[in-house]
PDB file of N, CA and C in Angstrom:
ATOM      1  N   MET A   1     -17.045 -18.594  -2.026  1.00  0.00           N
ATOM      2  CA  MET A   1     -15.942 -18.942  -1.147  1.00  0.00           C
ATOM      3  C   MET A   1     -15.626 -17.733  -0.266  1.00  0.00           C
ATOM      4  N   SER A   2     -15.329 -17.964   0.970  1.00  0.00           N
ATOM      5  CA  SER A   2     -15.019 -16.864   1.878  1.00  0.00           C
ATOM      6  C   SER A   2     -13.515 -16.669   1.972  1.00  0.00           C
ATOM      7  N   ARG A   3     -13.146 -15.547   2.518  1.00  0.00           N
ATOM      8  CA  ARG A   3     -11.733 -15.253   2.693  1.00  0.00           C
ATOM      9  C   ARG A   3     -11.473 -14.999   4.162  1.00  0.00           C
ATOM     10  N   PRO A   4     -10.216 -15.103   4.563  1.00  0.00           N
ATOM     11  CA  PRO A   4      -9.912 -14.808   5.964  1.00  0.00           C
ATOM     12  C   PRO A   4     -10.181 -13.340   6.264  1.00  0.00           C
ATOM     13  N   GLU A   5     -10.559 -13.049   7.494  1.00  0.00           N
ATOM     14  CA  GLU A   5     -10.822 -11.662   7.884  1.00  0.00           C
ATOM     15  C   GLU A   5      -9.571 -10.797   7.795  1.00  0.00           C
ATOM     16  N   THR A   6      -8.400 -11.384   8.107  1.00  0.00           N
ATOM     17  CA  THR A   6      -7.141 -10.645   8.030  1.00  0.00           C
ATOM     18  C   THR A   6      -6.137 -11.446   7.213  1.00  0.00           C
ATOM     19  N   THR A   7      -5.481 -10.756   6.301  1.00  0.00           N
ATOM     20  CA  THR A   7      -4.415 -11.365   5.511  1.00  0.00           C
ATOM     21  C   THR A   7      -3.106 -10.719   5.926  1.00  0.00           C
ATOM     22  N   THR A   8      -2.098 -11.542   6.196  1.00  0.00           N
ATOM     23  CA  THR A   8      -0.805 -11.052   6.664  1.00  0.00           C
ATOM     24  C   THR A   8       0.297 -11.575   5.763  1.00  0.00           C
ATOM     25  N   LEU A   9       1.199 -10.691   5.364  1.00  0.00           N
ATOM     26  CA  LEU A   9       2.366 -11.042   4.558  1.00  0.00           C
ATOM     27  C   LEU A   9       3.606 -10.490   5.258  1.00  0.00           C
ATOM     28  N   THR A  10       4.749 -11.123   5.024  1.00  0.00           N
ATOM     29  CA  THR A  10       5.993 -10.670   5.642  1.00  0.00           C
ATOM     30  C   THR A  10       7.039 -10.412   4.564  1.00  0.00           C
ATOM     31  N   PHE A  11       7.761  -9.308   4.706  1.00  0.00           N
ATOM     32  CA  PHE A  11       8.809  -8.900   3.765  1.00  0.00           C
ATOM     33  C   PHE A  11      10.051  -8.496   4.542  1.00  0.00           C
ATOM     34  N   VAL A  12      11.198  -8.594   3.890  1.00  0.00           N
ATOM     35  CA  VAL A  12      12.450  -8.094   4.455  1.00  0.00           C
ATOM     36  C   VAL A  12      12.893  -6.910   3.605  1.00  0.00           C
ATOM     37  N   VAL A  13      13.180  -5.796   4.266  1.00  0.00           N
ATOM     38  CA  VAL A  13      13.598  -4.584   3.554  1.00  0.00           C
ATOM     39  C   VAL A  13      14.948  -4.838   2.893  1.00  0.00           C
ATOM     40  N   GLY A  14      14.990  -4.649   1.581  1.00  0.00           N
ATOM     41  CA  GLY A  14      16.228  -4.786   0.821  1.00  0.00           C
ATOM     42  C   GLY A  14      16.662  -3.443   0.262  1.00  0.00           C
ATOM     43  N   ASP A  15      17.825  -3.416  -0.356  1.00  0.00           N
ATOM     44  CA  ASP A  15      18.335  -2.171  -0.939  1.00  0.00           C
ATOM     45  C   ASP A  15      17.374  -1.575  -1.966  1.00  0.00           C
ATOM     46  N   ASP A  16      16.667  -2.422  -2.711  1.00  0.00           N
ATOM     47  CA  ASP A  16      15.736  -1.948  -3.733  1.00  0.00           C
ATOM     48  C   ASP A  16      14.441  -1.391  -3.158  1.00  0.00           C
ATOM     49  N   ASP A  17      14.232  -1.557  -1.864  1.00  0.00           N
ATOM     50  CA  ASP A  17      13.012  -1.106  -1.200  1.00  0.00           C
ATOM     51  C   ASP A  17      13.176   0.249  -0.520  1.00  0.00           C
ATOM     52  N   THR A  18      14.372   0.801  -0.547  1.00  0.00           N
ATOM     53  CA  THR A  18      14.638   2.038   0.196  1.00  0.00           C
ATOM     54  C   THR A  18      14.074   3.266  -0.504  1.00  0.00           C
ATOM     55  N   ALA A  19      13.905   4.310   0.292  1.00  0.00           N
ATOM     56  CA  ALA A  19      13.442   5.585  -0.251  1.00  0.00           C
ATOM     57  C   ALA A  19      14.389   6.062  -1.339  1.00  0.00           C
ATOM     58  N   ALA A  20      15.688   5.878  -1.136  1.00  0.00           N
ATOM     59  CA  ALA A  20      16.669   6.301  -2.148  1.00  0.00           C
ATOM     60  C   ALA A  20      16.468   5.523  -3.446  1.00  0.00           C
ATOM     61  N   ALA A  21      16.168   4.242  -3.365  1.00  0.00           N
ATOM     62  CA  ALA A  21      16.006   3.412  -4.562  1.00  0.00           C
ATOM     63  C   ALA A  21      14.699   3.680  -5.300  1.00  0.00           C
ATOM     64  N   VAL A  22      13.632   3.976  -4.579  1.00  0.00           N
ATOM     65  CA  VAL A  22      12.328   4.158  -5.235  1.00  0.00           C
ATOM     66  C   VAL A  22      12.016   5.621  -5.542  1.00  0.00           C
ATOM     67  N   GLY A  23      12.930   6.524  -5.203  1.00  0.00           N
ATOM     68  CA  GLY A  23      12.760   7.926  -5.572  1.00  0.00           C
ATOM     69  C   GLY A  23      11.871   8.729  -4.649  1.00  0.00           C
ATOM     70  N   SER A  24      11.692   8.263  -3.415  1.00  0.00           N
ATOM     71  CA  SER A  24      10.829   9.010  -2.499  1.00  0.00           C
ATOM     72  C   SER A  24      11.624   9.653  -1.364  1.00  0.00           C
ATOM     73  N   GLY A  25      12.905   9.801  -1.573  1.00  0.00           N
ATOM     74  CA  GLY A  25      13.764  10.407  -0.567  1.00  0.00           C
ATOM     75  C   GLY A  25      15.200   9.995  -0.823  1.00  0.00           C
ATOM     76  N   SER A  26      16.072  10.338   0.101  1.00  0.00           N
ATOM     77  CA  SER A  26      17.495  10.058  -0.111  1.00  0.00           C
ATOM     78  C   SER A  26      18.078   9.090   0.910  1.00  0.00           C
ATOM     79  N   LEU A  27      17.261   8.626   1.840  1.00  0.00           N
ATOM     80  CA  LEU A  27      17.786   7.795   2.923  1.00  0.00           C
ATOM     81  C   LEU A  27      17.654   6.296   2.627  1.00  0.00           C
ATOM     82  N   PRO A  28      18.539   5.486   3.208  1.00  0.00           N
ATOM     83  CA  PRO A  28      18.494   4.032   3.010  1.00  0.00           C
ATOM     84  C   PRO A  28      17.540   3.349   3.996  1.00  0.00           C
ATOM     85  N   VAL A  29      16.278   3.801   4.007  1.00  0.00           N
ATOM     86  CA  VAL A  29      15.229   3.219   4.845  1.00  0.00           C
ATOM     87  C   VAL A  29      14.045   2.851   3.953  1.00  0.00           C
ATOM     88  N   LEU A  30      13.154   2.010   4.450  1.00  0.00           N
ATOM     89  CA  LEU A  30      11.999   1.584   3.674  1.00  0.00           C
ATOM     90  C   LEU A  30      11.243   2.789   3.124  1.00  0.00           C
ATOM     91  N   GLY A  31      11.092   2.816   1.801  1.00  0.00           N
ATOM     92  CA  GLY A  31      10.378   3.903   1.148  1.00  0.00           C
ATOM     93  C   GLY A  31       8.873   3.719   1.259  1.00  0.00           C
ATOM     94  N   THR A  32       8.170   4.817   1.432  1.00  0.00           N
ATOM     95  CA  THR A  32       6.711   4.761   1.544  1.00  0.00           C
ATOM     96  C   THR A  32       6.058   4.105   0.325  1.00  0.00           C
ATOM     97  N   PRO A  33       6.500   4.383  -0.909  1.00  0.00           N
ATOM     98  CA  PRO A  33       5.873   3.704  -2.053  1.00  0.00           C
ATOM     99  C   PRO A  33       5.995   2.183  -1.985  1.00  0.00           C
ATOM    100  N   ARG A  34       7.132   1.674  -1.525  1.00  0.00           N
ATOM    101  CA  ARG A  34       7.300   0.221  -1.405  1.00  0.00           C
ATOM    102  C   ARG A  34       6.413  -0.333  -0.291  1.00  0.00           C
ATOM    103  N   LEU A  35       6.350   0.382   0.833  1.00  0.00           N
ATOM    104  CA  LEU A  35       5.480  -0.025   1.930  1.00  0.00           C
ATOM    105  C   LEU A  35       4.035  -0.095   1.457  1.00  0.00           C
ATOM    106  N   LEU A  36       3.608   0.909   0.724  1.00  0.00           N
ATOM    107  CA  LEU A  36       2.246   0.920   0.181  1.00  0.00           C
ATOM    108  C   LEU A  36       2.023  -0.276  -0.745  1.00  0.00           C
ATOM    109  N   ALA A  37       2.996  -0.587  -1.584  1.00  0.00           N
ATOM    110  CA  ALA A  37       2.868  -1.742  -2.481  1.00  0.00           C
ATOM    111  C   ALA A  37       2.706  -3.029  -1.682  1.00  0.00           C
ATOM    112  N   TRP A  38       3.441  -3.168  -0.602  1.00  0.00           N
ATOM    113  CA  TRP A  38       3.316  -4.358   0.241  1.00  0.00           C
ATOM    114  C   TRP A  38       1.935  -4.431   0.887  1.00  0.00           C
ATOM    115  N   LEU A  39       1.429  -3.293   1.348  1.00  0.00           N
ATOM    116  CA  LEU A  39       0.095  -3.266   1.947  1.00  0.00           C
ATOM    117  C   LEU A  39      -0.970  -3.599   0.908  1.00  0.00           C
ATOM    118  N   GLU A  40      -0.814  -3.068  -0.308  1.00  0.00           N
ATOM    119  CA  GLU A  40      -1.757  -3.398  -1.374  1.00  0.00           C
ATOM    120  C   GLU A  40      -1.697  -4.885  -1.720  1.00  0.00           C
ATOM    121  N   ALA A  41      -0.509  -5.465  -1.680  1.00  0.00           N
ATOM    122  CA  ALA A  41      -0.374  -6.907  -1.938  1.00  0.00           C
ATOM    123  C   ALA A  41      -1.192  -7.704  -0.923  1.00  0.00           C
ATOM    124  N   ALA A  42      -1.228  -7.262   0.318  1.00  0.00           N
ATOM    125  CA  ALA A  42      -2.027  -7.950   1.334  1.00  0.00           C
ATOM    126  C   ALA A  42      -3.516  -7.826   1.038  1.00  0.00           C
ATOM    127  N   THR A  43      -3.955  -6.645   0.559  1.00  0.00           N
ATOM    128  CA  THR A  43      -5.376  -6.490   0.222  1.00  0.00           C
ATOM    129  C   THR A  43      -5.734  -7.372  -0.973  1.00  0.00           C
ATOM    130  N   CYS A  44      -4.850  -7.426  -1.954  1.00  0.00           N
ATOM    131  CA  CYS A  44      -5.095  -8.278  -3.131  1.00  0.00           C
ATOM    132  C   CYS A  44      -5.191  -9.745  -2.721  1.00  0.00           C
ATOM    133  N   ALA A  45      -4.264 -10.178  -1.884  1.00  0.00           N
ATOM    134  CA  ALA A  45      -4.265 -11.572  -1.431  1.00  0.00           C
ATOM    135  C   ALA A  45      -5.545 -11.887  -0.658  1.00  0.00           C
ATOM    136  N   GLY A  46      -6.035 -10.932   0.097  1.00  0.00           N
ATOM    137  CA  GLY A  46      -7.270 -11.138   0.848  1.00  0.00           C
ATOM    138  C   GLY A  46      -8.493 -11.277  -0.030  1.00  0.00           C
ATOM    139  N   LEU A  47      -8.448 -10.692  -1.221  1.00  0.00           N
ATOM    140  CA  LEU A  47      -9.596 -10.758  -2.135  1.00  0.00           C
ATOM    141  C   LEU A  47      -9.574 -11.975  -3.053  1.00  0.00           C
ATOM    142  N   VAL A  48      -8.426 -12.596  -3.245  1.00  0.00           N
ATOM    143  CA  VAL A  48      -8.306 -13.700  -4.208  1.00  0.00           C
ATOM    144  C   VAL A  48      -9.409 -14.748  -4.057  1.00  0.00           C
ATOM    145  N   PRO A  49      -9.721 -15.210  -2.852  1.00  0.00           N
ATOM    146  CA  PRO A  49     -10.752 -16.246  -2.737  1.00  0.00           C
ATOM    147  C   PRO A  49     -12.146 -15.802  -3.182  1.00  0.00           C
ATOM    148  N   LEU A  50     -12.384 -14.497  -3.261  1.00  0.00           N
ATOM    149  CA  LEU A  50     -13.708 -13.975  -3.622  1.00  0.00           C
ATOM    150  C   LEU A  50     -13.867 -13.663  -5.101  1.00  0.00           C
ATOM    151  N   LEU A  51     -12.772 -13.639  -5.848  1.00  0.00           N
ATOM    152  CA  LEU A  51     -12.833 -13.162  -7.231  1.00  0.00           C
ATOM    153  C   LEU A  51     -13.458 -14.191  -8.165  1.00  0.00           C
ATOM    154  N   PRO A  52     -14.490 -13.766  -8.911  1.00  0.00           N
ATOM    155  CA  PRO A  52     -15.049 -14.645  -9.936  1.00  0.00           C
ATOM    156  C   PRO A  52     -14.031 -14.844 -11.066  1.00  0.00           C
ATOM    157  N   GLU A  53     -14.194 -15.893 -11.828  1.00  0.00           N
ATOM    158  CA  GLU A  53     -13.330 -16.163 -12.980  1.00  0.00           C
ATOM    159  C   GLU A  53     -13.252 -14.929 -13.873  1.00  0.00           C
ATOM    160  N   GLY A  54     -12.036 -14.546 -14.257  1.00  0.00           N
ATOM    161  CA  GLY A  54     -11.837 -13.405 -15.149  1.00  0.00           C
ATOM    162  C   GLY A  54     -11.834 -12.059 -14.466  1.00  0.00           C
ATOM    163  N   SER A  55     -11.965 -12.053 -13.142  1.00  0.00           N
ATOM    164  CA  SER A  55     -12.004 -10.789 -12.403  1.00  0.00           C
ATOM    165  C   SER A  55     -10.692 -10.541 -11.685  1.00  0.00           C
ATOM    166  N   THR A  56     -10.497  -9.285 -11.356  1.00  0.00           N
ATOM    167  CA  THR A  56      -9.361  -8.849 -10.546  1.00  0.00           C
ATOM    168  C   THR A  56      -9.853  -7.680  -9.710  1.00  0.00           C
ATOM    169  N   SER A  57      -8.972  -7.057  -8.962  1.00  0.00           N
ATOM    170  CA  SER A  57      -9.365  -5.870  -8.221  1.00  0.00           C
ATOM    171  C   SER A  57      -8.384  -4.750  -8.519  1.00  0.00           C
ATOM    172  N   VAL A  58      -8.897  -3.539  -8.426  1.00  0.00           N
ATOM    173  CA  VAL A  58      -8.066  -2.346  -8.649  1.00  0.00           C
ATOM    174  C   VAL A  58      -8.182  -1.439  -7.426  1.00  0.00           C
ATOM    175  N   GLY A  59      -7.067  -0.816  -7.086  1.00  0.00           N
ATOM    176  CA  GLY A  59      -7.066   0.120  -5.974  1.00  0.00           C
ATOM    177  C   GLY A  59      -7.709   1.424  -6.399  1.00  0.00           C
ATOM    178  N   THR A  60      -8.554   1.989  -5.534  1.00  0.00           N
ATOM    179  CA  THR A  60      -9.235   3.238  -5.861  1.00  0.00           C
ATOM    180  C   THR A  60      -9.000   4.341  -4.845  1.00  0.00           C
ATOM    181  N   ARG A  61      -8.579   3.977  -3.630  1.00  0.00           N
ATOM    182  CA  ARG A  61      -8.364   4.997  -2.607  1.00  0.00           C
ATOM    183  C   ARG A  61      -7.362   4.482  -1.590  1.00  0.00           C
ATOM    184  N   VAL A  62      -6.463   5.379  -1.163  1.00  0.00           N
ATOM    185  CA  VAL A  62      -5.457   5.029  -0.161  1.00  0.00           C
ATOM    186  C   VAL A  62      -5.365   6.162   0.851  1.00  0.00           C
ATOM    187  N   GLN A  63      -5.339   5.792   2.112  1.00  0.00           N
ATOM    188  CA  GLN A  63      -5.065   6.735   3.192  1.00  0.00           C
ATOM    189  C   GLN A  63      -4.029   6.021   4.057  1.00  0.00           C
ATOM    190  N   LEU A  64      -2.824   6.589   4.156  1.00  0.00           N
ATOM    191  CA  LEU A  64      -1.741   5.888   4.835  1.00  0.00           C
ATOM    192  C   LEU A  64      -0.887   6.852   5.654  1.00  0.00           C
ATOM    193  N   GLU A  65      -0.595   6.462   6.879  1.00  0.00           N
ATOM    194  CA  GLU A  65       0.365   7.177   7.713  1.00  0.00           C
ATOM    195  C   GLU A  65       1.577   6.275   7.888  1.00  0.00           C
ATOM    196  N   HIS A  66       2.728   6.741   7.408  1.00  0.00           N
ATOM    197  CA  HIS A  66       3.992   6.009   7.582  1.00  0.00           C
ATOM    198  C   HIS A  66       4.610   6.585   8.845  1.00  0.00           C
ATOM    199  N   LEU A  67       4.582   5.816   9.924  1.00  0.00           N
ATOM    200  CA  LEU A  67       4.860   6.340  11.262  1.00  0.00           C
ATOM    201  C   LEU A  67       6.295   6.189  11.737  1.00  0.00           C
ATOM    202  N   ALA A  68       7.024   5.195  11.192  1.00  0.00           N
ATOM    203  CA  ALA A  68       8.382   4.945  11.682  1.00  0.00           C
ATOM    204  C   ALA A  68       9.240   4.375  10.564  1.00  0.00           C
ATOM    205  N   ALA A  69      10.530   4.632  10.651  1.00  0.00           N
ATOM    206  CA  ALA A  69      11.486   4.171   9.637  1.00  0.00           C
ATOM    207  C   ALA A  69      11.897   2.723   9.896  1.00  0.00           C
ATOM    208  N   SER A  70      12.280   2.040   8.795  1.00  0.00           N
ATOM    209  CA  SER A  70      12.767   0.655   8.865  1.00  0.00           C
ATOM    210  C   SER A  70      14.043   0.548   8.055  1.00  0.00           C
ATOM    211  N   PRO A  71      15.118   0.077   8.669  1.00  0.00           N
ATOM    212  CA  PRO A  71      16.384  -0.033   7.952  1.00  0.00           C
ATOM    213  C   PRO A  71      16.419  -1.263   7.038  1.00  0.00           C
ATOM    214  N   VAL A  72      17.384  -1.286   6.150  1.00  0.00           N
ATOM    215  CA  VAL A  72      17.627  -2.463   5.318  1.00  0.00           C
ATOM    216  C   VAL A  72      17.875  -3.644   6.256  1.00  0.00           C
ATOM    217  N   GLY A  73      17.253  -4.776   5.944  1.00  0.00           N
ATOM    218  CA  GLY A  73      17.382  -5.969   6.767  1.00  0.00           C
ATOM    219  C   GLY A  73      16.235  -6.177   7.737  1.00  0.00           C
ATOM    220  N   ALA A  74      15.442  -5.137   7.984  1.00  0.00           N
ATOM    221  CA  ALA A  74      14.316  -5.264   8.905  1.00  0.00           C
ATOM    222  C   ALA A  74      13.243  -6.167   8.303  1.00  0.00           C
ATOM    223  N   GLU A  75      12.613  -6.973   9.156  1.00  0.00           N
ATOM    224  CA  GLU A  75      11.490  -7.796   8.715  1.00  0.00           C
ATOM    225  C   GLU A  75      10.200  -7.054   9.057  1.00  0.00           C
ATOM    226  N   VAL A  76       9.359  -6.885   8.037  1.00  0.00           N
ATOM    227  CA  VAL A  76       8.135  -6.101   8.180  1.00  0.00           C
ATOM    228  C   VAL A  76       6.936  -6.998   7.899  1.00  0.00           C
ATOM    229  N   GLU A  77       6.003  -7.008   8.818  1.00  0.00           N
ATOM    230  CA  GLU A  77       4.754  -7.752   8.638  1.00  0.00           C
ATOM    231  C   GLU A  77       3.661  -6.753   8.289  1.00  0.00           C
ATOM    232  N   VAL A  78       2.992  -6.986   7.159  1.00  0.00           N
ATOM    233  CA  VAL A  78       1.881  -6.133   6.742  1.00  0.00           C
ATOM    234  C   VAL A  78       0.589  -6.927   6.841  1.00  0.00           C
ATOM    235  N   SER A  79      -0.471  -6.253   7.274  1.00  0.00           N
ATOM    236  CA  SER A  79      -1.765  -6.901   7.445  1.00  0.00           C
ATOM    237  C   SER A  79      -2.865  -6.063   6.827  1.00  0.00           C
ATOM    238  N   ALA A  80      -3.861  -6.768   6.256  1.00  0.00           N
ATOM    239  CA  ALA A  80      -5.048  -6.123   5.710  1.00  0.00           C
ATOM    240  C   ALA A  80      -6.265  -6.835   6.279  1.00  0.00           C
ATOM    241  N   SER A  81      -7.123  -6.072   6.927  1.00  0.00           N
ATOM    242  CA  SER A  81      -8.337  -6.626   7.531  1.00  0.00           C
ATOM    243  C   SER A  81      -9.555  -6.027   6.856  1.00  0.00           C
ATOM    244  N   SER A  82     -10.499  -6.874   6.532  1.00  0.00           N
ATOM    245  CA  SER A  82     -11.733  -6.414   5.916  1.00  0.00           C
ATOM    246  C   SER A  82     -12.456  -5.479   6.877  1.00  0.00           C
ATOM    247  N   ALA A  83     -12.771  -4.263   6.403  1.00  0.00           N
ATOM    248  CA  ALA A  83     -13.458  -3.286   7.237  1.00  0.00           C
ATOM    249  C   ALA A  83     -14.863  -3.006   6.734  1.00  0.00           C
ATOM    250  N   TYR A  84     -15.072  -3.166   5.402  1.00  0.00           N
ATOM    251  CA  TYR A  84     -16.367  -2.820   4.814  1.00  0.00           C
ATOM    252  C   TYR A  84     -16.467  -3.464   3.441  1.00  0.00           C
ATOM    253  N   GLU A  85     -17.640  -3.965   3.115  1.00  0.00           N
ATOM    254  CA  GLU A  85     -17.895  -4.520   1.786  1.00  0.00           C
ATOM    255  C   GLU A  85     -19.259  -4.039   1.315  1.00  0.00           C
ATOM    256  N   ASP A  86     -19.334  -3.671   0.044  1.00  0.00           N
ATOM    257  CA  ASP A  86     -20.610  -3.295  -0.563  1.00  0.00           C
ATOM    258  C   ASP A  86     -20.541  -3.687  -2.027  1.00  0.00           C
ATOM    259  N   GLY A  87     -21.038  -4.869  -2.354  1.00  0.00           N
ATOM    260  CA  GLY A  87     -20.977  -5.353  -3.730  1.00  0.00           C
ATOM    261  C   GLY A  87     -19.538  -5.545  -4.158  1.00  0.00           C
ATOM    262  N   ARG A  88     -19.131  -4.776  -5.158  1.00  0.00           N
ATOM    263  CA  ARG A  88     -17.777  -4.896  -5.704  1.00  0.00           C
ATOM    264  C   ARG A  88     -16.742  -4.114  -4.898  1.00  0.00           C
ATOM    265  N   LEU A  89     -17.187  -3.226  -4.021  1.00  0.00           N
ATOM    266  CA  LEU A  89     -16.285  -2.362  -3.254  1.00  0.00           C
ATOM    267  C   LEU A  89     -15.843  -3.063  -1.966  1.00  0.00           C
ATOM    268  N   HIS A  90     -14.537  -3.043  -1.714  1.00  0.00           N
ATOM    269  CA  HIS A  90     -13.969  -3.663  -0.514  1.00  0.00           C
ATOM    270  C   HIS A  90     -12.992  -2.680   0.129  1.00  0.00           C
ATOM    271  N   ARG A  91     -13.240  -2.355   1.395  1.00  0.00           N
ATOM    272  CA  ARG A  91     -12.368  -1.439   2.127  1.00  0.00           C
ATOM    273  C   ARG A  91     -11.626  -2.245   3.200  1.00  0.00           C
ATOM    274  N   PHE A  92     -10.332  -1.984   3.308  1.00  0.00           N
ATOM    275  CA  PHE A  92      -9.476  -2.697   4.251  1.00  0.00           C
ATOM    276  C   PHE A  92      -8.803  -1.722   5.198  1.00  0.00           C
ATOM    277  N   THR A  93      -8.688  -2.115   6.447  1.00  0.00           N
ATOM    278  CA  THR A  93      -7.815  -1.441   7.389  1.00  0.00           C
ATOM    279  C   THR A  93      -6.462  -2.127   7.249  1.00  0.00           C
ATOM    280  N   VAL A  94      -5.407  -1.339   7.055  1.00  0.00           N
ATOM    281  CA  VAL A  94      -4.081  -1.907   6.835  1.00  0.00           C
ATOM    282  C   VAL A  94      -3.113  -1.414   7.899  1.00  0.00           C
ATOM    283  N   SER A  95      -2.108  -2.260   8.176  1.00  0.00           N
ATOM    284  CA  SER A  95      -1.080  -1.855   9.131  1.00  0.00           C
ATOM    285  C   SER A  95       0.208  -2.593   8.811  1.00  0.00           C
ATOM    286  N   ALA A  96       1.300  -2.040   9.318  1.00  0.00           N
ATOM    287  CA  ALA A  96       2.612  -2.671   9.175  1.00  0.00           C
ATOM    288  C   ALA A  96       3.316  -2.563  10.513  1.00  0.00           C
ATOM    289  N   ARG A  97       4.084  -3.606  10.820  1.00  0.00           N
ATOM    290  CA  ARG A  97       4.843  -3.569  12.077  1.00  0.00           C
ATOM    291  C   ARG A  97       6.183  -4.254  11.876  1.00  0.00           C
ATOM    292  N   ASP A  98       7.140  -3.867  12.678  1.00  0.00           N
ATOM    293  CA  ASP A  98       8.455  -4.497  12.698  1.00  0.00           C
ATOM    294  C   ASP A  98       8.313  -5.791  13.489  1.00  0.00           C
ATOM    295  N   THR A  99       8.702  -6.920  12.893  1.00  0.00           N
ATOM    296  CA  THR A  99       8.490  -8.206  13.569  1.00  0.00           C
ATOM    297  C   THR A  99       9.408  -8.391  14.777  1.00  0.00           C
ATOM    298  N   THR A 100      10.539  -7.719  14.806  1.00  0.00           N
ATOM    299  CA  THR A 100      11.472  -7.861  15.928  1.00  0.00           C
ATOM    300  C   THR A 100      11.018  -7.059  17.143  1.00  0.00           C
ATOM    301  N   SER A 101      10.718  -5.792  16.931  1.00  0.00           N
ATOM    302  CA  SER A 101      10.357  -4.916  18.051  1.00  0.00           C
ATOM    303  C   SER A 101       8.858  -4.860  18.308  1.00  0.00           C
ATOM    304  N   GLY A 102       8.051  -5.223  17.292  1.00  0.00           N
ATOM    305  CA  GLY A 102       6.606  -5.095  17.410  1.00  0.00           C
ATOM    306  C   GLY A 102       6.112  -3.688  17.161  1.00  0.00           C
ATOM    307  N   LYS A 103       7.030  -2.769  16.887  1.00  0.00           N
ATOM    308  CA  LYS A 103       6.683  -1.363  16.670  1.00  0.00           C
ATOM    309  C   LYS A 103       5.787  -1.206  15.443  1.00  0.00           C
ATOM    310  N   VAL A 104       4.731  -0.406  15.589  1.00  0.00           N
ATOM    311  CA  VAL A 104       3.842  -0.116  14.463  1.00  0.00           C
ATOM    312  C   VAL A 104       4.549   0.860  13.526  1.00  0.00           C
ATOM    313  N   LEU A 105       4.648   0.476  12.265  1.00  0.00           N
ATOM    314  CA  LEU A 105       5.347   1.278  11.262  1.00  0.00           C
ATOM    315  C   LEU A 105       4.401   2.114  10.419  1.00  0.00           C
ATOM    316  N   ALA A 106       3.183   1.610  10.230  1.00  0.00           N
ATOM    317  CA  ALA A 106       2.231   2.310   9.373  1.00  0.00           C
ATOM    318  C   ALA A 106       0.820   1.857   9.704  1.00  0.00           C
ATOM    319  N   ALA A 107      -0.141   2.728   9.396  1.00  0.00           N
ATOM    320  CA  ALA A 107      -1.552   2.405   9.567  1.00  0.00           C
ATOM    321  C   ALA A 107      -2.352   3.186   8.544  1.00  0.00           C
ATOM    322  N   GLY A 108      -3.450   2.596   8.098  1.00  0.00           N
ATOM    323  CA  GLY A 108      -4.279   3.301   7.144  1.00  0.00           C
ATOM    324  C   GLY A 108      -5.429   2.477   6.632  1.00  0.00           C
ATOM    325  N   GLU A 109      -5.890   2.865   5.447  1.00  0.00           N
ATOM    326  CA  GLU A 109      -7.043   2.233   4.827  1.00  0.00           C
ATOM    327  C   GLU A 109      -6.848   2.197   3.314  1.00  0.00           C
ATOM    328  N   ILE A 110      -7.198   1.079   2.704  1.00  0.00           N
ATOM    329  CA  ILE A 110      -7.105   0.925   1.247  1.00  0.00           C
ATOM    330  C   ILE A 110      -8.444   0.408   0.746  1.00  0.00           C
ATOM    331  N   THR A 111      -8.948   1.031  -0.309  1.00  0.00           N
ATOM    332  CA  THR A 111     -10.195   0.599  -0.939  1.00  0.00           C
ATOM    333  C   THR A 111      -9.886   0.009  -2.303  1.00  0.00           C
ATOM    334  N   ARG A 112     -10.503  -1.143  -2.602  1.00  0.00           N
ATOM    335  CA  ARG A 112     -10.350  -1.813  -3.889  1.00  0.00           C
ATOM    336  C   ARG A 112     -11.737  -2.104  -4.456  1.00  0.00           C
ATOM    337  N   VAL A 113     -11.814  -2.160  -5.782  1.00  0.00           N
ATOM    338  CA  VAL A 113     -13.058  -2.496  -6.465  1.00  0.00           C
ATOM    339  C   VAL A 113     -12.793  -3.687  -7.372  1.00  0.00           C
ATOM    340  N   VAL A 114     -13.679  -4.668  -7.322  1.00  0.00           N
ATOM    341  CA  VAL A 114     -13.573  -5.851  -8.175  1.00  0.00           C
ATOM    342  C   VAL A 114     -14.084  -5.493  -9.560  1.00  0.00           C
ATOM    343  N   VAL A 115     -13.286  -5.834 -10.586  1.00  0.00           N
ATOM    344  CA  VAL A 115     -13.640  -5.536 -11.974  1.00  0.00           C
ATOM    345  C   VAL A 115     -13.417  -6.764 -12.848  1.00  0.00           C
ATOM    346  N   ASP A 116     -14.099  -6.800 -13.979  1.00  0.00           N
ATOM    347  CA  ASP A 116     -13.821  -7.802 -15.001  1.00  0.00           C
ATOM    348  C   ASP A 116     -12.552  -7.351 -15.712  1.00  0.00           C
ATOM    349  N   ALA A 117     -11.509  -8.156 -15.671  1.00  0.00           N
ATOM    350  CA  ALA A 117     -10.195  -7.747 -16.188  1.00  0.00           C
ATOM    351  C   ALA A 117     -10.241  -7.390 -17.678  1.00  0.00           C
ATOM    352  N   GLU A 118     -10.871  -8.219 -18.477  1.00  0.00           N
ATOM    353  CA  GLU A 118     -10.923  -7.987 -19.922  1.00  0.00           C
ATOM    354  C   GLU A 118     -11.682  -6.696 -20.254  1.00  0.00           C
ATOM    355  N   ARG A 119     -12.832  -6.520 -19.623  1.00  0.00           N
ATOM    356  CA  ARG A 119     -13.628  -5.317 -19.862  1.00  0.00           C
ATOM    357  C   ARG A 119     -12.894  -4.063 -19.396  1.00  0.00           C
ATOM    358  N   PHE A 120     -12.219  -4.155 -18.262  1.00  0.00           N
ATOM    359  CA  PHE A 120     -11.458  -3.026 -17.717  1.00  0.00           C
ATOM    360  C   PHE A 120     -10.367  -2.612 -18.706  1.00  0.00           C
ATOM    361  N   LEU A 121      -9.597  -3.578 -19.195  1.00  0.00           N
ATOM    362  CA  LEU A 121      -8.498  -3.275 -20.132  1.00  0.00           C
ATOM    363  C   LEU A 121      -9.004  -2.778 -21.472  1.00  0.00           C
ATOM    364  N   ALA A 122     -10.169  -3.249 -21.888  1.00  0.00           N
ATOM    365  CA  ALA A 122     -10.741  -2.815 -23.165  1.00  0.00           C
ATOM    366  C   ALA A 122     -11.106  -1.337 -23.171  1.00  0.00           C
ATOM    367  N   ARG A 123     -11.345  -0.783 -21.985  1.00  0.00           N
ATOM    368  CA  ARG A 123     -11.724   0.637 -21.879  1.00  0.00           C
ATOM    369  C   ARG A 123     -10.538   1.590 -21.912  1.00  0.00           C
ATOM    370  N   LEU A 124      -9.339   1.064 -21.888  1.00  0.00           N
ATOM    371  CA  LEU A 124      -8.163   1.938 -21.845  1.00  0.00           C
ATOM    372  C   LEU A 124      -7.861   2.554 -23.193  1.00  0.00           C
TER     373      LEU A 124
END
């Protein structure tokens, strides 16, 4: 089964998403760790159609530039586009933008590897 070339998700910044709430700063703006989690969610969603039974994917590399702040209440669209595939390895170009202004909030790359979930957990 194939997957779409780009997966897009939309989130609204809440109080629990701020830098102050997630421990990455003191300001009431979207925290980078939460933004990264949203971008990873887009990469995961993009891989779902490709995963064999019993498989999942794990993040292995992140390169991210958080370019602009987003206040509580802002609507943020995150996108993950397939950039490279080699067997189990999948690399995505990721971005985030403010849906109201269109301003680019973040850009980067996330790499994920498809693993057998049971075997992966057994190694821990």
